[in-house]
Amino acid sequence: SDNLQLVTVDVHAANDLIRSGHRYLDVRTHEEFNRGHVDVENCVNIPYFFFNPAGRVKNTKFLEQVSAVCSKDDHIVGCQSGVRSGYATTDLLKAGYKHVSNMEGGYASWVENELSVKKSDAEL
């Protein structure tokens, strides 16, 4: 069996890694992303779950969509609180992404630590 080690980094370590060239993959919904996200170049937003009236539904095209825009290089995966990104990071590891890390505490922790954020004012 593959010994997949989920690597978790705190927001300060994540910030340093992102500034040094890791790509940031935000797995929240587009709505959440537009309300505010980590302020970095090359930020990718691909939802892991969709929320609908029936509850949350896994995005069955998640890995396909990630592979379309992300090579298997170094990535930091983040969500709102660190839960969804944990699932997403595990799926990515299983799919052969060897250098993915889960950002502990997610966007909520990023904001709490007063790191740079960006809001998309243009609501579609």
C-alpha atoms as a PDB file:
ATOM      1  CA  SER A   1       0.000   0.000   0.000  1.00  0.00           C
ATOM      2  CA  ASP A   2       1.186   3.533  -0.698  1.00  0.00           C
ATOM      3  CA  ASN A   3       2.489   5.270   2.352  1.00  0.00           C
ATOM      4  CA  LEU A   4       0.834   8.594   1.673  1.00  0.00           C
ATOM      5  CA  GLN A   5       1.917  11.183   4.156  1.00  0.00           C
ATOM      6  CA  LEU A   6      -0.432  14.131   4.420  1.00  0.00           C
ATOM      7  CA  VAL A   7       1.779  17.142   5.018  1.00  0.00           C
ATOM      8  CA  THR A   8       0.148  20.010   6.872  1.00  0.00           C
ATOM      9  CA  VAL A   9       1.678  23.489   7.065  1.00  0.00           C
ATOM     10  CA  ASP A  10       0.494  26.486   9.043  1.00  0.00           C
ATOM     11  CA  VAL A  11      -0.481  29.712   7.280  1.00  0.00           C
ATOM     12  CA  HIS A  12       2.890  31.388   7.866  1.00  0.00           C
ATOM     13  CA  ALA A  13       4.786  28.438   6.368  1.00  0.00           C
ATOM     14  CA  ALA A  14       2.233  28.317   3.545  1.00  0.00           C
ATOM     15  CA  ASN A  15       2.730  32.024   2.894  1.00  0.00           C
ATOM     16  CA  ASP A  16       6.517  31.526   2.658  1.00  0.00           C
ATOM     17  CA  LEU A  17       6.129  28.532   0.329  1.00  0.00           C
ATOM     18  CA  ILE A  18       3.688  30.395  -1.903  1.00  0.00           C
ATOM     19  CA  ARG A  19       6.028  33.394  -2.112  1.00  0.00           C
ATOM     20  CA  SER A  20       8.847  31.030  -3.085  1.00  0.00           C
ATOM     21  CA  GLY A  21       6.920  29.562  -5.991  1.00  0.00           C
ATOM     22  CA  HIS A  22       4.441  26.980  -4.733  1.00  0.00           C
ATOM     23  CA  ARG A  23       1.034  27.344  -6.369  1.00  0.00           C
ATOM     24  CA  TYR A  24      -2.001  27.905  -4.186  1.00  0.00           C
ATOM     25  CA  LEU A  25      -5.047  25.757  -4.904  1.00  0.00           C
ATOM     26  CA  ASP A  26      -8.236  26.993  -3.223  1.00  0.00           C
ATOM     27  CA  VAL A  27     -10.804  24.192  -3.049  1.00  0.00           C
ATOM     28  CA  ARG A  28     -13.705  26.293  -1.751  1.00  0.00           C
ATOM     29  CA  THR A  29     -16.724  27.183  -3.870  1.00  0.00           C
ATOM     30  CA  HIS A  30     -16.445  30.033  -6.369  1.00  0.00           C
ATOM     31  CA  GLU A  31     -18.838  32.068  -4.185  1.00  0.00           C
ATOM     32  CA  GLU A  32     -16.585  31.706  -1.158  1.00  0.00           C
ATOM     33  CA  PHE A  33     -13.529  32.445  -3.271  1.00  0.00           C
ATOM     34  CA  ASN A  34     -15.051  35.657  -4.638  1.00  0.00           C
ATOM     35  CA  ARG A  35     -15.882  36.890  -1.144  1.00  0.00           C
ATOM     36  CA  GLY A  36     -12.179  36.814  -0.337  1.00  0.00           C
ATOM     37  CA  HIS A  37      -9.129  34.700  -0.974  1.00  0.00           C
ATOM     38  CA  VAL A  38      -5.400  34.445  -0.396  1.00  0.00           C
ATOM     39  CA  ASP A  39      -3.697  37.278  -2.252  1.00  0.00           C
ATOM     40  CA  VAL A  40      -1.200  35.467  -4.473  1.00  0.00           C
ATOM     41  CA  GLU A  41      -0.281  35.246  -8.129  1.00  0.00           C
ATOM     42  CA  ASN A  42      -1.437  32.106  -9.908  1.00  0.00           C
ATOM     43  CA  CYS A  43      -4.101  31.295  -7.354  1.00  0.00           C
ATOM     44  CA  VAL A  44      -6.278  28.449  -8.692  1.00  0.00           C
ATOM     45  CA  ASN A  45      -9.867  27.933  -7.526  1.00  0.00           C
ATOM     46  CA  ILE A  46     -11.319  24.463  -8.089  1.00  0.00           C
ATOM     47  CA  PRO A  47     -14.134  23.453  -5.712  1.00  0.00           C
ATOM     48  CA  TYR A  48     -13.858  20.088  -3.963  1.00  0.00           C
ATOM     49  CA  PHE A  49     -17.511  20.163  -2.892  1.00  0.00           C
ATOM     50  CA  PHE A  50     -20.517  22.021  -4.241  1.00  0.00           C
ATOM     51  CA  PHE A  51     -23.173  23.099  -1.783  1.00  0.00           C
ATOM     52  CA  ASN A  52     -26.771  22.785  -2.872  1.00  0.00           C
ATOM     53  CA  PRO A  53     -30.114  22.625  -1.053  1.00  0.00           C
ATOM     54  CA  ALA A  54     -29.630  18.897  -0.464  1.00  0.00           C
ATOM     55  CA  GLY A  55     -26.268  19.431   1.217  1.00  0.00           C
ATOM     56  CA  ARG A  56     -22.742  19.082  -0.047  1.00  0.00           C
ATOM     57  CA  VAL A  57     -21.938  17.153  -3.169  1.00  0.00           C
ATOM     58  CA  LYS A  58     -18.440  16.125  -4.193  1.00  0.00           C
ATOM     59  CA  ASN A  59     -17.168  17.661  -7.418  1.00  0.00           C
ATOM     60  CA  THR A  60     -16.690  14.462  -9.460  1.00  0.00           C
ATOM     61  CA  LYS A  61     -14.492  16.354 -11.936  1.00  0.00           C
ATOM     62  CA  PHE A  62     -12.144  17.705  -9.238  1.00  0.00           C
ATOM     63  CA  LEU A  63      -9.028  15.725 -10.240  1.00  0.00           C
ATOM     64  CA  GLU A  64      -9.724  16.218 -13.939  1.00  0.00           C
ATOM     65  CA  GLN A  65     -10.058  19.985 -13.466  1.00  0.00           C
ATOM     66  CA  VAL A  66      -6.917  20.160 -11.326  1.00  0.00           C
ATOM     67  CA  SER A  67      -4.883  18.216 -13.884  1.00  0.00           C
ATOM     68  CA  ALA A  68      -6.008  20.624 -16.614  1.00  0.00           C
ATOM     69  CA  VAL A  69      -4.447  23.622 -14.855  1.00  0.00           C
ATOM     70  CA  CYS A  70      -1.883  22.207 -12.449  1.00  0.00           C
ATOM     71  CA  SER A  71       1.218  20.201 -13.167  1.00  0.00           C
ATOM     72  CA  LYS A  72       2.331  17.758 -10.496  1.00  0.00           C
ATOM     73  CA  ASP A  73       4.691  20.343  -9.027  1.00  0.00           C
ATOM     74  CA  ASP A  74       4.571  21.909  -5.589  1.00  0.00           C
ATOM     75  CA  HIS A  75       1.161  22.958  -4.354  1.00  0.00           C
ATOM     76  CA  ILE A  76      -0.406  24.308  -1.229  1.00  0.00           C
ATOM     77  CA  VAL A  77      -4.061  23.330  -0.880  1.00  0.00           C
ATOM     78  CA  GLY A  78      -6.406  25.515   1.149  1.00  0.00           C
ATOM     79  CA  CYS A  79     -10.090  25.854   1.960  1.00  0.00           C
ATOM     80  CA  GLN A  80     -12.077  27.718   4.601  1.00  0.00           C
ATOM     81  CA  SER A  81     -11.027  25.906   7.770  1.00  0.00           C
ATOM     82  CA  GLY A  82      -8.720  23.106   6.654  1.00  0.00           C
ATOM     83  CA  VAL A  83     -11.219  20.249   6.447  1.00  0.00           C
ATOM     84  CA  ARG A  84     -12.027  20.160   2.723  1.00  0.00           C
ATOM     85  CA  SER A  85      -8.403  20.820   1.816  1.00  0.00           C
ATOM     86  CA  GLY A  86      -7.416  17.767   3.874  1.00  0.00           C
ATOM     87  CA  TYR A  87      -9.717  15.568   1.777  1.00  0.00           C
ATOM     88  CA  ALA A  88      -8.565  17.274  -1.424  1.00  0.00           C
ATOM     89  CA  THR A  89      -4.874  16.921  -0.561  1.00  0.00           C
ATOM     90  CA  THR A  90      -5.353  13.202   0.169  1.00  0.00           C
ATOM     91  CA  ASP A  91      -7.086  12.696  -3.198  1.00  0.00           C
ATOM     92  CA  LEU A  92      -4.277  14.573  -4.961  1.00  0.00           C
ATOM     93  CA  LEU A  93      -1.596  12.485  -3.211  1.00  0.00           C
ATOM     94  CA  LYS A  94      -3.386   9.298  -4.305  1.00  0.00           C
ATOM     95  CA  ALA A  95      -3.502  10.661  -7.854  1.00  0.00           C
ATOM     96  CA  GLY A  96       0.265  11.071  -7.936  1.00  0.00           C
ATOM     97  CA  TYR A  97       0.737  14.680  -6.847  1.00  0.00           C
ATOM     98  CA  LYS A  98       3.753  14.131  -4.648  1.00  0.00           C
ATOM     99  CA  HIS A  99       4.337  17.670  -3.446  1.00  0.00           C
ATOM    100  CA  VAL A 100       1.018  18.888  -2.100  1.00  0.00           C
ATOM    101  CA  SER A 101       0.583  20.304   1.383  1.00  0.00           C
ATOM    102  CA  ASN A 102      -2.592  21.025   3.292  1.00  0.00           C
ATOM    103  CA  MET A 103      -2.845  24.538   4.759  1.00  0.00           C
ATOM    104  CA  GLU A 104      -3.884  24.170   8.372  1.00  0.00           C
ATOM    105  CA  GLY A 105      -6.799  26.320   9.488  1.00  0.00           C
ATOM    106  CA  GLY A 106      -7.558  27.368   5.925  1.00  0.00           C
ATOM    107  CA  TYR A 107      -8.567  30.822   4.795  1.00  0.00           C
ATOM    108  CA  ALA A 108     -10.116  31.598   8.198  1.00  0.00           C
ATOM    109  CA  SER A 109      -6.699  31.178   9.833  1.00  0.00           C
ATOM    110  CA  TRP A 110      -5.036  33.177   7.023  1.00  0.00           C
ATOM    111  CA  VAL A 111      -7.380  36.110   7.740  1.00  0.00           C
ATOM    112  CA  GLU A 112      -6.945  35.739  11.505  1.00  0.00           C
ATOM    113  CA  ASN A 113      -3.188  36.023  11.087  1.00  0.00           C
ATOM    114  CA  GLU A 114      -3.683  39.206   9.053  1.00  0.00           C
ATOM    115  CA  LEU A 115      -1.999  37.868   5.931  1.00  0.00           C
ATOM    116  CA  SER A 116      -2.747  39.512   2.593  1.00  0.00           C
ATOM    117  CA  VAL A 117      -6.215  38.893   1.120  1.00  0.00           C
ATOM    118  CA  LYS A 118      -7.960  39.841  -2.074  1.00  0.00           C
ATOM    119  CA  LYS A 119     -11.669  40.244  -2.673  1.00  0.00           C
ATOM    120  CA  SER A 120     -13.360  39.999  -6.022  1.00  0.00           C
ATOM    121  CA  ASP A 121     -15.772  42.896  -6.102  1.00  0.00           C
ATOM    122  CA  ALA A 122     -17.256  41.838  -9.413  1.00  0.00           C
ATOM    123  CA  GLU A 123     -19.984  39.464  -8.325  1.00  0.00           C
ATOM    124  CA  LEU A 124     -21.112  37.576 -11.416  1.00  0.00           C
END
